[in-house]
PDB file of all heavy atoms in Angstrom:
ATOM      1  N   ARG A   1      91.965  -1.070 -34.349  1.00  0.00           N
ATOM      2  CA  ARG A   1      93.089  -1.748 -35.014  1.00  0.00           C
ATOM      3  C   ARG A   1      94.416  -1.186 -34.527  1.00  0.00           C
ATOM      4  O   ARG A   1      95.357  -1.948 -34.239  1.00  0.00           O
ATOM      5  CB  ARG A   1      92.973  -1.572 -36.528  1.00  0.00           C
ATOM      6  CG  ARG A   1      94.125  -2.166 -37.324  1.00  0.00           C
ATOM      7  CD  ARG A   1      93.872  -2.047 -38.817  1.00  0.00           C
ATOM      8  NE  ARG A   1      95.016  -2.515 -39.598  1.00  0.00           N
ATOM      9  CZ  ARG A   1      96.016  -1.742 -40.006  1.00  0.00           C
ATOM     10  NH1 ARG A   1      95.993  -0.436 -39.701  1.00  0.00           N
ATOM     11  NH2 ARG A   1      97.008  -2.237 -40.700  1.00  0.00           N
ATOM     12  N   ALA A   2      94.526   0.135 -34.413  1.00  0.00           N
ATOM     13  CA  ALA A   2      95.768   0.750 -33.931  1.00  0.00           C
ATOM     14  C   ALA A   2      96.070   0.316 -32.503  1.00  0.00           C
ATOM     15  O   ALA A   2      97.225   0.051 -32.150  1.00  0.00           O
ATOM     16  CB  ALA A   2      95.667   2.276 -34.019  1.00  0.00           C
ATOM     17  N   LEU A   3      95.039   0.238 -31.667  1.00  0.00           N
ATOM     18  CA  LEU A   3      95.221  -0.208 -30.289  1.00  0.00           C
ATOM     19  C   LEU A   3      95.732  -1.644 -30.253  1.00  0.00           C
ATOM     20  O   LEU A   3      96.666  -1.970 -29.499  1.00  0.00           O
ATOM     21  CB  LEU A   3      93.893  -0.096 -29.535  1.00  0.00           C
ATOM     22  CG  LEU A   3      93.857  -0.673 -28.119  1.00  0.00           C
ATOM     23  CD1 LEU A   3      94.834   0.064 -27.201  1.00  0.00           C
ATOM     24  CD2 LEU A   3      92.435  -0.604 -27.552  1.00  0.00           C
ATOM     25  N   LYS A   4      95.148  -2.497 -31.064  1.00  0.00           N
ATOM     26  CA  LYS A   4      95.572  -3.900 -31.108  1.00  0.00           C
ATOM     27  C   LYS A   4      97.029  -4.015 -31.549  1.00  0.00           C
ATOM     28  O   LYS A   4      97.822  -4.776 -30.955  1.00  0.00           O
ATOM     29  CB  LYS A   4      94.666  -4.677 -32.067  1.00  0.00           C
ATOM     30  CG  LYS A   4      94.990  -6.158 -32.158  1.00  0.00           C
ATOM     31  CD  LYS A   4      94.011  -6.857 -33.097  1.00  0.00           C
ATOM     32  CE  LYS A   4      94.346  -8.347 -33.211  1.00  0.00           C
ATOM     33  NZ  LYS A   4      93.389  -9.042 -34.121  1.00  0.00           N
ATOM     34  N   GLN A   5      97.404  -3.258 -32.578  1.00  0.00           N
ATOM     35  CA  GLN A   5      98.782  -3.312 -33.077  1.00  0.00           C
ATOM     36  C   GLN A   5      99.762  -2.731 -32.062  1.00  0.00           C
ATOM     37  O   GLN A   5     100.870  -3.248 -31.890  1.00  0.00           O
ATOM     38  CB  GLN A   5      98.876  -2.561 -34.411  1.00  0.00           C
ATOM     39  CG  GLN A   5      98.087  -3.200 -35.541  1.00  0.00           C
ATOM     40  CD  GLN A   5      98.624  -4.560 -35.942  1.00  0.00           C
ATOM     41  OE1 GLN A   5      99.780  -4.881 -35.698  1.00  0.00           O
ATOM     42  NE2 GLN A   5      97.778  -5.378 -36.546  1.00  0.00           N
ATOM     43  N   ARG A   6      99.365  -1.645 -31.384  1.00  0.00           N
ATOM     44  CA  ARG A   6     100.252  -1.065 -30.374  1.00  0.00           C
ATOM     45  C   ARG A   6     100.460  -2.044 -29.224  1.00  0.00           C
ATOM     46  O   ARG A   6     101.572  -2.192 -28.719  1.00  0.00           O
ATOM     47  CB  ARG A   6      99.694   0.262 -29.848  1.00  0.00           C
ATOM     48  CG  ARG A   6     100.661   0.984 -28.913  1.00  0.00           C
ATOM     49  CD  ARG A   6     100.135   2.335 -28.448  1.00  0.00           C
ATOM     50  NE  ARG A   6     101.205   3.089 -27.811  1.00  0.00           N
ATOM     51  CZ  ARG A   6     101.522   2.983 -26.514  1.00  0.00           C
ATOM     52  NH1 ARG A   6     100.837   2.148 -25.738  1.00  0.00           N
ATOM     53  NH2 ARG A   6     102.509   3.691 -26.006  1.00  0.00           N
ATOM     54  N   ASN A   7      99.393  -2.707 -28.795  1.00  0.00           N
ATOM     55  CA  ASN A   7      99.522  -3.689 -27.719  1.00  0.00           C
ATOM     56  C   ASN A   7     100.420  -4.850 -28.135  1.00  0.00           C
ATOM     57  O   ASN A   7     101.199  -5.365 -27.329  1.00  0.00           O
ATOM     58  CB  ASN A   7      98.148  -4.203 -27.303  1.00  0.00           C
ATOM     59  CG  ASN A   7      97.366  -3.190 -26.501  1.00  0.00           C
ATOM     60  OD1 ASN A   7      97.921  -2.216 -25.993  1.00  0.00           O
ATOM     61  ND2 ASN A   7      96.061  -3.390 -26.382  1.00  0.00           N
ATOM     62  N   ALA A   8     100.316  -5.266 -29.406  1.00  0.00           N
ATOM     63  CA  ALA A   8     101.191  -6.333 -29.899  1.00  0.00           C
ATOM     64  C   ALA A   8     102.657  -5.889 -29.864  1.00  0.00           C
ATOM     65  O   ALA A   8     103.546  -6.668 -29.502  1.00  0.00           O
ATOM     66  CB  ALA A   8     100.781  -6.726 -31.317  1.00  0.00           C
ATOM     67  N   ALA A   9     102.896  -4.624 -30.224  1.00  0.00           N
ATOM     68  CA  ALA A   9     104.268  -4.098 -30.180  1.00  0.00           C
ATOM     69  C   ALA A   9     104.787  -4.038 -28.747  1.00  0.00           C
ATOM     70  O   ALA A   9     105.963  -4.322 -28.487  1.00  0.00           O
ATOM     71  CB  ALA A   9     104.310  -2.718 -30.824  1.00  0.00           C
ATOM     72  N   LEU A  10     103.920  -3.674 -27.802  1.00  0.00           N
ATOM     73  CA  LEU A  10     104.326  -3.649 -26.390  1.00  0.00           C
ATOM     74  C   LEU A  10     104.706  -5.038 -25.906  1.00  0.00           C
ATOM     75  O   LEU A  10     105.703  -5.208 -25.188  1.00  0.00           O
ATOM     76  CB  LEU A  10     103.187  -3.085 -25.533  1.00  0.00           C
ATOM     77  CG  LEU A  10     102.910  -1.594 -25.663  1.00  0.00           C
ATOM     78  CD1 LEU A  10     101.586  -1.237 -24.993  1.00  0.00           C
ATOM     79  CD2 LEU A  10     104.052  -0.760 -25.060  1.00  0.00           C
ATOM     80  N   LYS A  11     103.931  -6.021 -26.293  1.00  0.00           N
ATOM     81  CA  LYS A  11     104.239  -7.400 -25.883  1.00  0.00           C
ATOM     82  C   LYS A  11     105.543  -7.895 -26.505  1.00  0.00           C
ATOM     83  O   LYS A  11     106.202  -8.795 -25.960  1.00  0.00           O
ATOM     84  CB  LYS A  11     103.081  -8.331 -26.276  1.00  0.00           C
ATOM     85  CG  LYS A  11     101.823  -8.121 -25.453  1.00  0.00           C
ATOM     86  CD  LYS A  11     100.731  -9.086 -25.879  1.00  0.00           C
ATOM     87  CE  LYS A  11      99.509  -9.001 -24.979  1.00  0.00           C
ATOM     88  NZ  LYS A  11      98.812  -7.710 -25.072  1.00  0.00           N
ATOM     89  N   ALA A  12     105.913  -7.284 -27.645  1.00  0.00           N
ATOM     90  CA  ALA A  12     107.168  -7.650 -28.315  1.00  0.00           C
ATOM     91  C   ALA A  12     108.343  -6.810 -27.827  1.00  0.00           C
ATOM     92  O   ALA A  12     109.411  -6.820 -28.453  1.00  0.00           O
ATOM     93  CB  ALA A  12     107.006  -7.502 -29.823  1.00  0.00           C
ATOM     94  N   GLY A  13     108.142  -6.054 -26.746  1.00  0.00           N
ATOM     95  CA  GLY A  13     109.219  -5.265 -26.171  1.00  0.00           C
ATOM     96  C   GLY A  13     109.291  -3.845 -26.678  1.00  0.00           C
ATOM     97  O   GLY A  13     110.271  -3.136 -26.410  1.00  0.00           O
ATOM     98  N   GLY A  14     108.302  -3.420 -27.438  1.00  0.00           N
ATOM     99  CA  GLY A  14     108.257  -2.043 -27.910  1.00  0.00           C
ATOM    100  C   GLY A  14     108.787  -1.833 -29.308  1.00  0.00           C
ATOM    101  O   GLY A  14     108.745  -0.705 -29.823  1.00  0.00           O
ATOM    102  N   ASP A  15     109.283  -2.897 -29.956  1.00  0.00           N
ATOM    103  CA  ASP A  15     109.818  -2.753 -31.316  1.00  0.00           C
ATOM    104  C   ASP A  15     108.715  -2.341 -32.291  1.00  0.00           C
ATOM    105  O   ASP A  15     107.628  -2.928 -32.310  1.00  0.00           O
ATOM    106  CB  ASP A  15     110.431  -4.083 -31.785  1.00  0.00           C
ATOM    107  CG  ASP A  15     111.701  -4.430 -31.011  1.00  0.00           C
ATOM    108  OD1 ASP A  15     112.285  -3.510 -30.417  1.00  0.00           O
ATOM    109  OD2 ASP A  15     112.077  -5.612 -31.000  1.00  0.00           O
ATOM    110  N   GLY A  16     109.018  -1.327 -33.105  1.00  0.00           N
ATOM    111  CA  GLY A  16     108.085  -0.894 -34.141  1.00  0.00           C
ATOM    112  C   GLY A  16     106.849  -0.189 -33.624  1.00  0.00           C
ATOM    113  O   GLY A  16     105.829  -0.131 -34.323  1.00  0.00           O
ATOM    114  N   ILE A  17     106.940   0.403 -32.431  1.00  0.00           N
ATOM    115  CA  ILE A  17     105.741   0.991 -31.835  1.00  0.00           C
ATOM    116  C   ILE A  17     105.457   2.413 -32.315  1.00  0.00           C
ATOM    117  O   ILE A  17     104.301   2.861 -32.264  1.00  0.00           O
ATOM    118  CB  ILE A  17     105.852   0.967 -30.292  1.00  0.00           C
ATOM    119  CG1 ILE A  17     104.454   1.054 -29.665  1.00  0.00           C
ATOM    120  CG2 ILE A  17     106.747   2.092 -29.768  1.00  0.00           C
ATOM    121  CD1 ILE A  17     104.450   0.811 -28.175  1.00  0.00           C
ATOM    122  N   GLU A  18     106.467   3.136 -32.792  1.00  0.00           N
ATOM    123  CA  GLU A  18     106.291   4.549 -33.106  1.00  0.00           C
ATOM    124  C   GLU A  18     105.184   4.836 -34.123  1.00  0.00           C
ATOM    125  O   GLU A  18     104.362   5.743 -33.902  1.00  0.00           O
ATOM    126  CB  GLU A  18     107.624   5.150 -33.568  1.00  0.00           C
ATOM    127  CG  GLU A  18     108.626   5.377 -32.445  1.00  0.00           C
ATOM    128  CD  GLU A  18     108.070   6.275 -31.342  1.00  0.00           C
ATOM    129  OE1 GLU A  18     107.337   7.230 -31.673  1.00  0.00           O
ATOM    130  OE2 GLU A  18     108.361   6.027 -30.172  1.00  0.00           O
ATOM    131  N   PRO A  19     105.137   4.127 -35.245  1.00  0.00           N
ATOM    132  CA  PRO A  19     104.041   4.425 -36.192  1.00  0.00           C
ATOM    133  C   PRO A  19     102.659   4.221 -35.580  1.00  0.00           C
ATOM    134  O   PRO A  19     101.722   4.966 -35.883  1.00  0.00           O
ATOM    135  CB  PRO A  19     104.292   3.448 -37.346  1.00  0.00           C
ATOM    136  CG  PRO A  19     105.730   3.069 -37.227  1.00  0.00           C
ATOM    137  CD  PRO A  19     106.035   3.095 -35.774  1.00  0.00           C
ATOM    138  N   TRP A  20     102.552   3.225 -34.699  1.00  0.00           N
ATOM    139  CA  TRP A  20     101.252   2.959 -34.071  1.00  0.00           C
ATOM    140  C   TRP A  20     100.923   4.008 -33.018  1.00  0.00           C
ATOM    141  O   TRP A  20      99.746   4.302 -32.782  1.00  0.00           O
ATOM    142  CB  TRP A  20     101.228   1.560 -33.482  1.00  0.00           C
ATOM    143  CG  TRP A  20     101.340   0.505 -34.541  1.00  0.00           C
ATOM    144  CD1 TRP A  20     102.359  -0.376 -34.738  1.00  0.00           C
ATOM    145  CD2 TRP A  20     100.406   0.276 -35.602  1.00  0.00           C
ATOM    146  NE1 TRP A  20     102.121  -1.147 -35.842  1.00  0.00           N
ATOM    147  CE2 TRP A  20     100.923  -0.780 -36.385  1.00  0.00           C
ATOM    148  CE3 TRP A  20      99.195   0.852 -35.965  1.00  0.00           C
ATOM    149  CZ2 TRP A  20     100.265  -1.265 -37.509  1.00  0.00           C
ATOM    150  CZ3 TRP A  20      98.528   0.374 -37.084  1.00  0.00           C
ATOM    151  CH2 TRP A  20      99.057  -0.672 -37.844  1.00  0.00           C
ATOM    152  N   ASN A  21     101.956   4.593 -32.405  1.00  0.00           N
ATOM    153  CA  ASN A  21     101.703   5.693 -31.466  1.00  0.00           C
ATOM    154  C   ASN A  21     101.013   6.856 -32.178  1.00  0.00           C
ATOM    155  O   ASN A  21     100.029   7.412 -31.687  1.00  0.00           O
ATOM    156  CB  ASN A  21     103.021   6.197 -30.854  1.00  0.00           C
ATOM    157  CG  ASN A  21     103.555   5.266 -29.786  1.00  0.00           C
ATOM    158  OD1 ASN A  21     102.829   4.408 -29.289  1.00  0.00           O
ATOM    159  ND2 ASN A  21     104.818   5.431 -29.440  1.00  0.00           N
ATOM    160  N   ALA A  22     101.545   7.226 -33.331  1.00  0.00           N
ATOM    161  CA  ALA A  22     100.990   8.366 -34.071  1.00  0.00           C
ATOM    162  C   ALA A  22      99.562   8.080 -34.516  1.00  0.00           C
ATOM    163  O   ALA A  22      98.674   8.943 -34.397  1.00  0.00           O
ATOM    164  CB  ALA A  22     101.876   8.668 -35.286  1.00  0.00           C
ATOM    165  N   GLU A  23      99.310   6.866 -35.020  1.00  0.00           N
ATOM    166  CA  GLU A  23      97.960   6.533 -35.475  1.00  0.00           C
ATOM    167  C   GLU A  23      97.005   6.435 -34.293  1.00  0.00           C
ATOM    168  O   GLU A  23      95.846   6.860 -34.373  1.00  0.00           O
ATOM    169  CB  GLU A  23      97.978   5.219 -36.263  1.00  0.00           C
ATOM    170  CG  GLU A  23      96.651   4.930 -36.931  1.00  0.00           C
ATOM    171  CD  GLU A  23      96.782   3.989 -38.110  1.00  0.00           C
ATOM    172  OE1 GLU A  23      97.922   3.697 -38.525  1.00  0.00           O
ATOM    173  OE2 GLU A  23      95.736   3.561 -38.631  1.00  0.00           O
ATOM    174  N   PHE A  24      97.496   5.871 -33.185  1.00  0.00           N
ATOM    175  CA  PHE A  24      96.684   5.754 -31.976  1.00  0.00           C
ATOM    176  C   PHE A  24      96.223   7.135 -31.510  1.00  0.00           C
ATOM    177  O   PHE A  24      95.046   7.325 -31.182  1.00  0.00           O
ATOM    178  CB  PHE A  24      97.498   5.071 -30.878  1.00  0.00           C
ATOM    179  CG  PHE A  24      96.780   4.928 -29.565  1.00  0.00           C
ATOM    180  CD1 PHE A  24      96.076   3.779 -29.252  1.00  0.00           C
ATOM    181  CD2 PHE A  24      96.815   5.950 -28.611  1.00  0.00           C
ATOM    182  CE1 PHE A  24      95.418   3.647 -28.037  1.00  0.00           C
ATOM    183  CE2 PHE A  24      96.151   5.833 -27.402  1.00  0.00           C
ATOM    184  CZ  PHE A  24      95.453   4.670 -27.120  1.00  0.00           C
ATOM    185  N   VAL A  25      97.120   8.111 -31.485  1.00  0.00           N
ATOM    186  CA  VAL A  25      96.777   9.457 -31.021  1.00  0.00           C
ATOM    187  C   VAL A  25      95.794  10.120 -31.980  1.00  0.00           C
ATOM    188  O   VAL A  25      94.784  10.696 -31.555  1.00  0.00           O
ATOM    189  CB  VAL A  25      98.046  10.315 -30.849  1.00  0.00           C
ATOM    190  CG1 VAL A  25      97.677  11.783 -30.604  1.00  0.00           C
ATOM    191  CG2 VAL A  25      98.887   9.778 -29.691  1.00  0.00           C
ATOM    192  N   ASP A  26      96.069  10.046 -33.260  1.00  0.00           N
ATOM    193  CA  ASP A  26      95.197  10.696 -34.247  1.00  0.00           C
ATOM    194  C   ASP A  26      93.780  10.130 -34.179  1.00  0.00           C
ATOM    195  O   ASP A  26      92.794  10.885 -34.062  1.00  0.00           O
ATOM    196  CB  ASP A  26      95.777  10.495 -35.647  1.00  0.00           C
ATOM    197  CG  ASP A  26      94.861  11.052 -36.728  1.00  0.00           C
ATOM    198  OD1 ASP A  26      94.450  12.220 -36.606  1.00  0.00           O
ATOM    199  OD2 ASP A  26      94.551  10.319 -37.685  1.00  0.00           O
ATOM    200  N   LEU A  27      93.659   8.825 -34.225  1.00  0.00           N
ATOM    201  CA  LEU A  27      92.335   8.202 -34.224  1.00  0.00           C
ATOM    202  C   LEU A  27      91.679   8.277 -32.853  1.00  0.00           C
ATOM    203  O   LEU A  27      90.456   8.417 -32.747  1.00  0.00           O
ATOM    204  CB  LEU A  27      92.457   6.752 -34.686  1.00  0.00           C
ATOM    205  CG  LEU A  27      92.914   6.584 -36.135  1.00  0.00           C
ATOM    206  CD1 LEU A  27      93.293   5.140 -36.423  1.00  0.00           C
ATOM    207  CD2 LEU A  27      91.834   7.052 -37.096  1.00  0.00           C
ATOM    208  N   GLY A  28      92.501   8.191 -31.808  1.00  0.00           N
ATOM    209  CA  GLY A  28      91.962   8.299 -30.458  1.00  0.00           C
ATOM    210  C   GLY A  28      91.303   9.643 -30.221  1.00  0.00           C
ATOM    211  O   GLY A  28      90.242   9.729 -29.581  1.00  0.00           O
ATOM    212  N   LEU A  29      91.901  10.702 -30.740  1.00  0.00           N
ATOM    213  CA  LEU A  29      91.310  12.035 -30.591  1.00  0.00           C
ATOM    214  C   LEU A  29      90.010  12.154 -31.384  1.00  0.00           C
ATOM    215  O   LEU A  29      89.066  12.814 -30.944  1.00  0.00           O
ATOM    216  CB  LEU A  29      92.311  13.099 -31.041  1.00  0.00           C
ATOM    217  CG  LEU A  29      93.505  13.313 -30.102  1.00  0.00           C
ATOM    218  CD1 LEU A  29      94.501  14.294 -30.709  1.00  0.00           C
ATOM    219  CD2 LEU A  29      93.051  13.805 -28.733  1.00  0.00           C
ATOM    220  N   ARG A  30      89.938  11.517 -32.529  1.00  0.00           N
ATOM    221  CA  ARG A  30      88.697  11.543 -33.304  1.00  0.00           C
ATOM    222  C   ARG A  30      87.567  10.847 -32.539  1.00  0.00           C
ATOM    223  O   ARG A  30      86.428  11.341 -32.502  1.00  0.00           O
ATOM    224  CB  ARG A  30      88.902  10.875 -34.657  1.00  0.00           C
ATOM    225  CG  ARG A  30      89.889  11.579 -35.568  1.00  0.00           C
ATOM    226  CD  ARG A  30      89.905  10.930 -36.947  1.00  0.00           C
ATOM    227  NE  ARG A  30      91.067  11.323 -37.724  1.00  0.00           N
ATOM    228  CZ  ARG A  30      91.289  10.968 -38.982  1.00  0.00           C
ATOM    229  NH1 ARG A  30      90.393  10.186 -39.587  1.00  0.00           N
ATOM    230  NH2 ARG A  30      92.367  11.367 -39.615  1.00  0.00           N
ATOM    231  N   VAL A  31      87.869   9.687 -31.982  1.00  0.00           N
ATOM    232  CA  VAL A  31      86.867   8.958 -31.199  1.00  0.00           C
ATOM    233  C   VAL A  31      86.443   9.794 -29.996  1.00  0.00           C
ATOM    234  O   VAL A  31      85.248   9.929 -29.698  1.00  0.00           O
ATOM    235  CB  VAL A  31      87.421   7.586 -30.749  1.00  0.00           C
ATOM    236  CG1 VAL A  31      86.502   6.935 -29.723  1.00  0.00           C
ATOM    237  CG2 VAL A  31      87.600   6.668 -31.954  1.00  0.00           C
ATOM    238  N   ASP A  32      87.414  10.370 -29.315  1.00  0.00           N
ATOM    239  CA  ASP A  32      87.126  11.178 -28.132  1.00  0.00           C
ATOM    240  C   ASP A  32      86.263  12.395 -28.486  1.00  0.00           C
ATOM    241  O   ASP A  32      85.301  12.712 -27.776  1.00  0.00           O
ATOM    242  CB  ASP A  32      88.440  11.637 -27.498  1.00  0.00           C
ATOM    243  CG  ASP A  32      88.231  12.497 -26.265  1.00  0.00           C
ATOM    244  OD1 ASP A  32      87.786  11.967 -25.240  1.00  0.00           O
ATOM    245  OD2 ASP A  32      88.496  13.717 -26.350  1.00  0.00           O
ATOM    246  N   GLN A  33      86.584  13.065 -29.574  1.00  0.00           N
ATOM    247  CA  GLN A  33      85.818  14.245 -29.979  1.00  0.00           C
ATOM    248  C   GLN A  33      84.385  13.890 -30.343  1.00  0.00           C
ATOM    249  O   GLN A  33      83.447  14.631 -30.029  1.00  0.00           O
ATOM    250  CB  GLN A  33      86.525  14.936 -31.139  1.00  0.00           C
ATOM    251  CG  GLN A  33      87.806  15.651 -30.729  1.00  0.00           C
ATOM    252  CD  GLN A  33      88.701  16.001 -31.903  1.00  0.00           C
ATOM    253  OE1 GLN A  33      88.334  15.772 -33.067  1.00  0.00           O
ATOM    254  NE2 GLN A  33      89.881  16.532 -31.623  1.00  0.00           N
ATOM    255  N   ALA A  34      84.195  12.735 -30.995  1.00  0.00           N
ATOM    256  CA  ALA A  34      82.837  12.304 -31.348  1.00  0.00           C
ATOM    257  C   ALA A  34      82.028  11.997 -30.091  1.00  0.00           C
ATOM    258  O   ALA A  34      80.845  12.353 -30.006  1.00  0.00           O
ATOM    259  CB  ALA A  34      82.899  11.075 -32.251  1.00  0.00           C
ATOM    260  N   ARG A  35      82.656  11.353 -29.125  1.00  0.00           N
ATOM    261  CA  ARG A  35      81.957  11.053 -27.871  1.00  0.00           C
ATOM    262  C   ARG A  35      81.591  12.329 -27.131  1.00  0.00           C
ATOM    263  O   ARG A  35      80.477  12.454 -26.609  1.00  0.00           O
ATOM    264  CB  ARG A  35      82.837  10.165 -26.984  1.00  0.00           C
ATOM    265  CG  ARG A  35      82.956   8.725 -27.460  1.00  0.00           C
ATOM    266  CD  ARG A  35      83.969   7.971 -26.632  1.00  0.00           C
ATOM    267  NE  ARG A  35      84.016   6.560 -26.955  1.00  0.00           N
ATOM    268  CZ  ARG A  35      84.956   5.720 -26.520  1.00  0.00           C
ATOM    269  NH1 ARG A  35      85.940   6.191 -25.744  1.00  0.00           N
ATOM    270  NH2 ARG A  35      84.925   4.456 -26.843  1.00  0.00           N
ATOM    271  N   ARG A  36      82.523  13.257 -27.070  1.00  0.00           N
ATOM    272  CA  ARG A  36      82.232  14.530 -26.395  1.00  0.00           C
ATOM    273  C   ARG A  36      81.092  15.265 -27.095  1.00  0.00           C
ATOM    274  O   ARG A  36      80.219  15.846 -26.435  1.00  0.00           O
ATOM    275  CB  ARG A  36      83.487  15.415 -26.382  1.00  0.00           C
ATOM    276  CG  ARG A  36      84.586  14.927 -25.447  1.00  0.00           C
ATOM    277  CD  ARG A  36      85.789  15.849 -25.512  1.00  0.00           C
ATOM    278  NE  ARG A  36      86.885  15.363 -24.689  1.00  0.00           N
ATOM    279  CZ  ARG A  36      87.003  15.603 -23.377  1.00  0.00           C
ATOM    280  NH1 ARG A  36      86.080  16.346 -22.768  1.00  0.00           N
ATOM    281  NH2 ARG A  36      88.020  15.119 -22.700  1.00  0.00           N
ATOM    282  N   ALA A  37      81.093  15.241 -28.417  1.00  0.00           N
ATOM    283  CA  ALA A  37      80.065  15.952 -29.173  1.00  0.00           C
ATOM    284  C   ALA A  37      78.686  15.361 -28.911  1.00  0.00           C
ATOM    285  O   ALA A  37      77.717  16.089 -28.691  1.00  0.00           O
ATOM    286  CB  ALA A  37      80.393  15.907 -30.669  1.00  0.00           C
ATOM    287  N   VAL A  38      78.586  14.029 -28.912  1.00  0.00           N
ATOM    288  CA  VAL A  38      77.270  13.412 -28.724  1.00  0.00           C
ATOM    289  C   VAL A  38      76.809  13.556 -27.276  1.00  0.00           C
ATOM    290  O   VAL A  38      75.611  13.725 -27.012  1.00  0.00           O
ATOM    291  CB  VAL A  38      77.292  11.940 -29.176  1.00  0.00           C
ATOM    292  CG1 VAL A  38      77.961  11.027 -28.146  1.00  0.00           C
ATOM    293  CG2 VAL A  38      75.874  11.445 -29.465  1.00  0.00           C
ATOM    294  N   LEU A  39      77.743  13.542 -26.329  1.00  0.00           N
ATOM    295  CA  LEU A  39      77.357  13.741 -24.935  1.00  0.00           C
ATOM    296  C   LEU A  39      76.885  15.172 -24.704  1.00  0.00           C
ATOM    297  O   LEU A  39      75.932  15.411 -23.948  1.00  0.00           O
ATOM    298  CB  LEU A  39      78.511  13.394 -24.000  1.00  0.00           C
ATOM    299  CG  LEU A  39      78.179  13.407 -22.500  1.00  0.00           C
ATOM    300  CD1 LEU A  39      77.054  12.416 -22.188  1.00  0.00           C
ATOM    301  CD2 LEU A  39      79.407  13.081 -21.663  1.00  0.00           C
ATOM    302  N   GLU A  40      77.520  16.120 -25.381  1.00  0.00           N
ATOM    303  CA  GLU A  40      77.092  17.518 -25.261  1.00  0.00           C
ATOM    304  C   GLU A  40      75.667  17.688 -25.788  1.00  0.00           C
ATOM    305  O   GLU A  40      74.856  18.420 -25.217  1.00  0.00           O
ATOM    306  CB  GLU A  40      78.053  18.428 -26.016  1.00  0.00           C
ATOM    307  CG  GLU A  40      77.731  19.905 -25.861  1.00  0.00           C
ATOM    308  CD  GLU A  40      78.738  20.810 -26.543  1.00  0.00           C
ATOM    309  OE1 GLU A  40      79.763  20.302 -27.029  1.00  0.00           O
ATOM    310  OE2 GLU A  40      78.491  22.031 -26.603  1.00  0.00           O
ATOM    311  N   ILE A  41      75.362  16.993 -26.888  1.00  0.00           N
ATOM    312  CA  ILE A  41      74.006  17.030 -27.431  1.00  0.00           C
ATOM    313  C   ILE A  41      73.017  16.398 -26.462  1.00  0.00           C
ATOM    314  O   ILE A  41      71.887  16.865 -26.292  1.00  0.00           O
ATOM    315  CB  ILE A  41      73.959  16.297 -28.784  1.00  0.00           C
ATOM    316  CG1 ILE A  41      74.786  17.051 -29.830  1.00  0.00           C
ATOM    317  CG2 ILE A  41      72.521  16.121 -29.267  1.00  0.00           C
ATOM    318  CD1 ILE A  41      75.003  16.267 -31.108  1.00  0.00           C
ATOM    319  N   CYS A  42      73.451  15.340 -25.797  1.00  0.00           N
ATOM    320  CA  CYS A  42      72.561  14.510 -24.992  1.00  0.00           C
ATOM    321  C   CYS A  42      72.391  14.985 -23.552  1.00  0.00           C
ATOM    322  O   CYS A  42      71.417  14.624 -22.887  1.00  0.00           O
ATOM    323  CB  CYS A  42      73.100  13.073 -24.991  1.00  0.00           C
ATOM    324  SG  CYS A  42      72.005  11.831 -24.286  1.00  0.00           S
ATOM    325  N   VAL A  43      73.329  15.786 -23.055  1.00  0.00           N
ATOM    326  CA  VAL A  43      73.392  16.012 -21.615  1.00  0.00           C
ATOM    327  C   VAL A  43      72.137  16.678 -21.053  1.00  0.00           C
ATOM    328  O   VAL A  43      71.696  16.339 -19.942  1.00  0.00           O
ATOM    329  CB  VAL A  43      74.668  16.808 -21.245  1.00  0.00           C
ATOM    330  CG1 VAL A  43      74.582  18.257 -21.720  1.00  0.00           C
ATOM    331  CG2 VAL A  43      74.932  16.728 -19.750  1.00  0.00           C
TER     332      VAL A  43
END
């Protein structure tokens, strides 16, 4: 959802993008950490 909203803000010229940047980073790191954790288990 954050990615979709950030992309919409980019298409609108960047207006209102800051809140989505923060959410994108926070949630993106959670997704990344989960992937790294499961790959470490699986490798």
